[in-house]
């Protein structure tokens, strides 16, 4: 995690995963959170999430389509993580964290 002094209101977070399982070799992630400058009547943030995943040679086609299953689950999980990150950041920014 790094908050550059020359960019107040900005935070960068980097993460790495060197080995996960049989199919995933590694991953690199970068998250940037930047306060929206200017309009104090409508405060907000910009949230940028970048992820790079490296997979082993995934078998495709045939009886067991591992590649198709992995890609499908990865898309579902990515959409879920992004929705969750949006909800949590909005709640935290408006001070409603933990409220029903």
N, C-alpha and C. Protein backbone atom coordinates (compact mmCIF):
# COMPACT_ATOMS: atom_id res chain seq x y z
N UNK A 1 0.85 -1.16 0.00
CA UNK A 1 0.00 0.00 0.00
C UNK A 1 0.90 1.23 0.00
N UNK A 2 0.53 2.23 -0.81
CA UNK A 2 1.34 3.44 -0.92
C UNK A 2 0.43 4.63 -1.14
N UNK A 3 0.62 5.67 -0.36
CA UNK A 3 -0.10 6.93 -0.52
C UNK A 3 0.93 7.99 -0.91
N UNK A 4 1.06 8.30 -2.20
CA UNK A 4 2.09 9.24 -2.64
C UNK A 4 1.87 10.63 -2.06
N UNK A 5 2.92 11.22 -1.44
CA UNK A 5 2.76 12.55 -0.84
C UNK A 5 2.46 13.63 -1.87
N UNK A 6 2.91 13.45 -3.11
CA UNK A 6 2.66 14.46 -4.15
C UNK A 6 1.25 14.37 -4.72
N UNK A 7 0.50 13.32 -4.35
CA UNK A 7 -0.89 13.16 -4.79
C UNK A 7 -1.80 12.93 -3.59
N UNK A 8 -2.11 13.98 -2.82
CA UNK A 8 -2.98 13.79 -1.66
C UNK A 8 -4.36 13.29 -2.10
N UNK A 9 -4.91 12.41 -1.31
CA UNK A 9 -6.21 11.84 -1.65
C UNK A 9 -6.12 10.63 -2.55
N UNK A 10 -4.90 10.13 -2.78
CA UNK A 10 -4.70 8.96 -3.63
C UNK A 10 -4.02 7.84 -2.86
N UNK A 11 -4.45 6.63 -3.10
CA UNK A 11 -3.83 5.45 -2.49
C UNK A 11 -3.70 4.37 -3.55
N UNK A 12 -2.53 3.72 -3.57
CA UNK A 12 -2.28 2.62 -4.49
C UNK A 12 -2.03 1.36 -3.68
N UNK A 13 -2.59 0.25 -4.14
CA UNK A 13 -2.42 -1.03 -3.46
C UNK A 13 -2.00 -2.06 -4.50
N UNK A 14 -0.88 -2.73 -4.27
CA UNK A 14 -0.41 -3.78 -5.17
C UNK A 14 -0.44 -5.11 -4.43
N UNK A 15 -0.77 -6.17 -5.16
CA UNK A 15 -0.78 -7.50 -4.56
C UNK A 15 -0.27 -8.51 -5.58
N UNK A 16 0.30 -9.59 -5.07
CA UNK A 16 0.78 -10.64 -5.96
C UNK A 16 0.44 -12.00 -5.38
N UNK A 17 0.29 -12.95 -6.28
CA UNK A 17 0.04 -14.33 -5.91
C UNK A 17 0.93 -15.16 -6.81
N UNK A 18 1.88 -15.85 -6.22
CA UNK A 18 2.85 -16.59 -7.03
C UNK A 18 2.39 -17.97 -7.44
N UNK A 19 1.59 -18.61 -6.66
CA UNK A 19 1.07 -19.92 -7.02
C UNK A 19 -0.24 -20.14 -6.29
N UNK A 20 -1.24 -20.63 -6.99
CA UNK A 20 -2.52 -20.83 -6.34
C UNK A 20 -2.96 -22.28 -6.37
N UNK A 21 -3.01 -22.90 -7.54
CA UNK A 21 -3.47 -24.28 -7.62
C UNK A 21 -2.97 -24.91 -8.92
N UNK A 22 -3.61 -25.97 -9.31
CA UNK A 22 -3.17 -26.73 -10.48
C UNK A 22 -3.23 -25.92 -11.77
N UNK A 23 -4.20 -25.03 -11.92
CA UNK A 23 -4.40 -24.30 -13.17
C UNK A 23 -3.87 -22.87 -13.15
N UNK A 24 -3.85 -22.23 -12.00
CA UNK A 24 -3.43 -20.83 -11.90
C UNK A 24 -1.98 -20.76 -11.46
N UNK A 25 -1.14 -20.15 -12.30
CA UNK A 25 0.28 -20.00 -11.95
C UNK A 25 0.52 -18.82 -11.03
N UNK A 26 -0.13 -17.71 -11.30
CA UNK A 26 0.11 -16.52 -10.49
C UNK A 26 -0.81 -15.38 -10.91
N UNK A 27 -0.78 -14.32 -10.10
CA UNK A 27 -1.62 -13.16 -10.37
C UNK A 27 -0.95 -11.91 -9.84
N UNK A 28 -1.26 -10.79 -10.47
CA UNK A 28 -0.78 -9.48 -10.04
C UNK A 28 -1.97 -8.55 -10.04
N UNK A 29 -2.13 -7.80 -8.98
CA UNK A 29 -3.25 -6.88 -8.88
C UNK A 29 -2.78 -5.48 -8.51
N UNK A 30 -3.46 -4.48 -9.05
CA UNK A 30 -3.19 -3.09 -8.70
C UNK A 30 -4.52 -2.40 -8.51
N UNK A 31 -4.70 -1.78 -7.36
CA UNK A 31 -5.91 -1.04 -7.05
C UNK A 31 -5.54 0.40 -6.75
N UNK A 32 -6.26 1.33 -7.35
CA UNK A 32 -6.04 2.76 -7.11
C UNK A 32 -7.34 3.38 -6.62
N UNK A 33 -7.24 4.17 -5.55
CA UNK A 33 -8.38 4.89 -5.01
C UNK A 33 -8.01 6.37 -5.00
N UNK A 34 -8.81 7.19 -5.67
CA UNK A 34 -8.52 8.62 -5.79
C UNK A 34 -9.77 9.40 -5.43
N UNK A 35 -9.62 10.37 -4.52
CA UNK A 35 -10.75 11.25 -4.19
C UNK A 35 -11.11 12.09 -5.39
N UNK A 36 -12.42 12.27 -5.59
CA UNK A 36 -12.90 13.12 -6.68
C UNK A 36 -12.66 14.57 -6.26
N UNK A 37 -11.91 15.29 -7.03
CA UNK A 37 -11.59 16.68 -6.69
C UNK A 37 -12.68 17.60 -7.21
N UNK A 38 -12.81 18.73 -6.55
CA UNK A 38 -13.70 19.77 -7.06
C UNK A 38 -15.03 19.85 -6.34
N UNK A 39 -16.04 19.20 -6.86
CA UNK A 39 -17.42 19.34 -6.42
C UNK A 39 -17.61 18.80 -5.01
N UNK A 40 -17.62 19.68 -4.02
CA UNK A 40 -17.81 19.26 -2.62
C UNK A 40 -19.27 18.93 -2.31
N UNK A 41 -20.20 19.37 -3.16
CA UNK A 41 -21.62 19.05 -2.96
C UNK A 41 -21.89 17.58 -3.28
N UNK A 42 -21.12 17.01 -4.19
CA UNK A 42 -21.27 15.60 -4.58
C UNK A 42 -19.92 14.90 -4.45
N UNK A 43 -19.48 14.62 -3.21
CA UNK A 43 -18.17 13.97 -3.06
C UNK A 43 -18.20 12.55 -3.59
N UNK A 44 -17.04 12.06 -3.98
CA UNK A 44 -16.95 10.70 -4.49
C UNK A 44 -15.51 10.28 -4.66
N UNK A 45 -15.34 9.08 -5.14
CA UNK A 45 -14.00 8.55 -5.40
C UNK A 45 -13.99 7.87 -6.75
N UNK A 46 -12.79 7.71 -7.27
CA UNK A 46 -12.57 6.86 -8.43
C UNK A 46 -11.88 5.61 -7.91
N UNK A 47 -12.38 4.46 -8.30
CA UNK A 47 -11.80 3.18 -7.90
C UNK A 47 -11.44 2.41 -9.16
N UNK A 48 -10.15 2.11 -9.31
CA UNK A 48 -9.67 1.37 -10.47
C UNK A 48 -9.03 0.08 -9.97
N UNK A 49 -9.50 -1.05 -10.48
CA UNK A 49 -8.97 -2.36 -10.10
C UNK A 49 -8.45 -3.05 -11.35
N UNK A 50 -7.16 -3.37 -11.36
CA UNK A 50 -6.54 -4.08 -12.47
C UNK A 50 -6.03 -5.41 -11.95
N UNK A 51 -6.32 -6.47 -12.68
CA UNK A 51 -5.82 -7.80 -12.29
C UNK A 51 -5.30 -8.50 -13.52
N UNK A 52 -4.16 -9.12 -13.38
CA UNK A 52 -3.56 -9.91 -14.45
C UNK A 52 -3.34 -11.31 -13.91
N UNK A 53 -3.94 -12.29 -14.55
CA UNK A 53 -3.83 -13.67 -14.11
C UNK A 53 -3.08 -14.47 -15.16
N UNK A 54 -2.24 -15.40 -14.72
CA UNK A 54 -1.53 -16.26 -15.65
C UNK A 54 -1.93 -17.70 -15.38
N UNK A 55 -2.53 -18.32 -16.38
CA UNK A 55 -2.99 -19.69 -16.24
C UNK A 55 -2.04 -20.65 -16.92
N UNK A 56 -2.03 -21.86 -16.41
CA UNK A 56 -1.33 -22.95 -17.04
C UNK A 56 -2.06 -23.25 -18.36
N UNK A 57 -1.56 -24.15 -19.14
CA UNK A 57 -2.21 -24.54 -20.39
C UNK A 57 -3.49 -25.30 -20.05
N UNK A 58 -4.63 -24.61 -20.13
CA UNK A 58 -5.91 -25.20 -19.75
C UNK A 58 -6.47 -26.03 -20.90
N UNK A 59 -6.82 -27.29 -20.65
CA UNK A 59 -7.40 -28.11 -21.71
C UNK A 59 -8.80 -27.60 -22.07
N UNK A 60 -9.10 -27.61 -23.37
CA UNK A 60 -10.43 -27.18 -23.81
C UNK A 60 -11.00 -28.20 -24.78
N UNK A 61 -12.31 -28.17 -24.91
CA UNK A 61 -12.98 -29.11 -25.80
C UNK A 61 -13.04 -30.50 -25.19
N UNK A 62 -13.52 -31.43 -25.93
CA UNK A 62 -13.60 -32.80 -25.43
C UNK A 62 -14.68 -32.95 -24.37
N UNK A 63 -14.54 -34.00 -23.59
CA UNK A 63 -15.54 -34.29 -22.54
C UNK A 63 -15.45 -33.31 -21.38
N UNK A 64 -14.24 -32.92 -21.04
CA UNK A 64 -14.06 -31.99 -19.91
C UNK A 64 -13.45 -30.70 -20.44
N UNK A 65 -14.26 -29.65 -20.49
CA UNK A 65 -13.80 -28.36 -20.99
C UNK A 65 -13.38 -27.49 -19.80
N UNK A 66 -12.18 -27.74 -19.31
CA UNK A 66 -11.68 -27.01 -18.13
C UNK A 66 -11.56 -25.52 -18.44
N UNK A 67 -11.04 -25.19 -19.61
CA UNK A 67 -10.86 -23.78 -20.00
C UNK A 67 -12.19 -23.02 -19.95
N UNK A 68 -13.24 -23.58 -20.52
CA UNK A 68 -14.55 -22.93 -20.52
C UNK A 68 -15.10 -22.74 -19.11
N UNK A 69 -14.92 -23.76 -18.27
CA UNK A 69 -15.40 -23.66 -16.89
C UNK A 69 -14.64 -22.59 -16.11
N UNK A 70 -13.32 -22.57 -16.27
CA UNK A 70 -12.50 -21.58 -15.55
C UNK A 70 -12.86 -20.17 -16.00
N UNK A 71 -12.99 -19.96 -17.31
CA UNK A 71 -13.32 -18.63 -17.82
C UNK A 71 -14.70 -18.19 -17.33
N UNK A 72 -15.67 -19.09 -17.37
CA UNK A 72 -17.01 -18.75 -16.90
C UNK A 72 -17.03 -18.38 -15.42
N UNK A 73 -16.37 -19.19 -14.59
CA UNK A 73 -16.33 -18.91 -13.15
C UNK A 73 -15.56 -17.62 -12.87
N UNK A 74 -14.49 -17.38 -13.63
CA UNK A 74 -13.71 -16.16 -13.44
C UNK A 74 -14.53 -14.92 -13.77
N UNK A 75 -15.31 -14.98 -14.83
CA UNK A 75 -16.18 -13.84 -15.17
C UNK A 75 -17.23 -13.59 -14.09
N UNK A 76 -17.85 -14.67 -13.61
CA UNK A 76 -18.85 -14.53 -12.54
C UNK A 76 -18.23 -13.93 -11.29
N UNK A 77 -17.07 -14.45 -10.91
CA UNK A 77 -16.39 -13.98 -9.70
C UNK A 77 -15.94 -12.53 -9.83
N UNK A 78 -15.45 -12.16 -11.00
CA UNK A 78 -15.02 -10.77 -11.23
C UNK A 78 -16.20 -9.82 -11.10
N UNK A 79 -17.32 -10.16 -11.70
CA UNK A 79 -18.52 -9.32 -11.60
C UNK A 79 -18.97 -9.19 -10.15
N UNK A 80 -18.92 -10.29 -9.40
CA UNK A 80 -19.31 -10.28 -7.99
C UNK A 80 -18.37 -9.41 -7.16
N UNK A 81 -17.07 -9.54 -7.38
CA UNK A 81 -16.08 -8.76 -6.63
C UNK A 81 -16.25 -7.27 -6.93
N UNK A 82 -16.47 -6.91 -8.18
CA UNK A 82 -16.64 -5.50 -8.54
C UNK A 82 -17.91 -4.91 -7.94
N UNK A 83 -19.01 -5.68 -7.96
CA UNK A 83 -20.25 -5.19 -7.33
C UNK A 83 -20.04 -4.98 -5.84
N UNK A 84 -19.37 -5.94 -5.18
CA UNK A 84 -19.10 -5.84 -3.75
C UNK A 84 -18.19 -4.65 -3.44
N UNK A 85 -17.15 -4.44 -4.23
CA UNK A 85 -16.24 -3.31 -4.01
C UNK A 85 -16.97 -1.98 -4.18
N UNK A 86 -17.85 -1.90 -5.16
CA UNK A 86 -18.63 -0.68 -5.37
C UNK A 86 -19.53 -0.41 -4.18
N UNK A 87 -20.24 -1.42 -3.72
CA UNK A 87 -21.14 -1.26 -2.59
C UNK A 87 -20.39 -0.85 -1.32
N UNK A 88 -19.28 -1.56 -1.03
CA UNK A 88 -18.51 -1.25 0.18
C UNK A 88 -17.90 0.14 0.13
N UNK A 89 -17.38 0.55 -1.02
CA UNK A 89 -16.77 1.87 -1.12
C UNK A 89 -17.82 2.97 -1.01
N UNK A 90 -19.00 2.76 -1.60
CA UNK A 90 -20.06 3.75 -1.48
C UNK A 90 -20.53 3.88 -0.04
N UNK A 91 -20.70 2.76 0.65
CA UNK A 91 -21.13 2.79 2.06
C UNK A 91 -20.08 3.46 2.93
N UNK A 92 -18.82 3.14 2.72
CA UNK A 92 -17.75 3.72 3.54
C UNK A 92 -17.64 5.22 3.28
N UNK A 93 -17.80 5.63 2.05
CA UNK A 93 -17.63 7.04 1.71
C UNK A 93 -18.77 7.89 2.25
N UNK A 94 -19.96 7.32 2.32
CA UNK A 94 -21.11 8.09 2.83
C UNK A 94 -21.31 7.88 4.33
N UNK A 95 -20.46 7.05 4.94
CA UNK A 95 -20.57 6.85 6.39
C UNK A 95 -21.63 5.86 6.79
N UNK A 96 -22.10 5.03 5.87
CA UNK A 96 -23.16 4.06 6.18
C UNK A 96 -22.60 2.66 6.37
N UNK A 97 -21.31 2.51 6.52
CA UNK A 97 -20.71 1.18 6.63
C UNK A 97 -21.35 0.39 7.75
N UNK A 98 -21.79 -0.81 7.43
CA UNK A 98 -22.37 -1.70 8.43
C UNK A 98 -23.85 -1.49 8.66
N UNK A 99 -24.46 -0.47 8.03
CA UNK A 99 -25.88 -0.27 8.24
C UNK A 99 -26.68 -1.15 7.31
N UNK A 100 -27.90 -1.56 7.72
CA UNK A 100 -28.72 -2.46 6.88
C UNK A 100 -29.27 -1.78 5.68
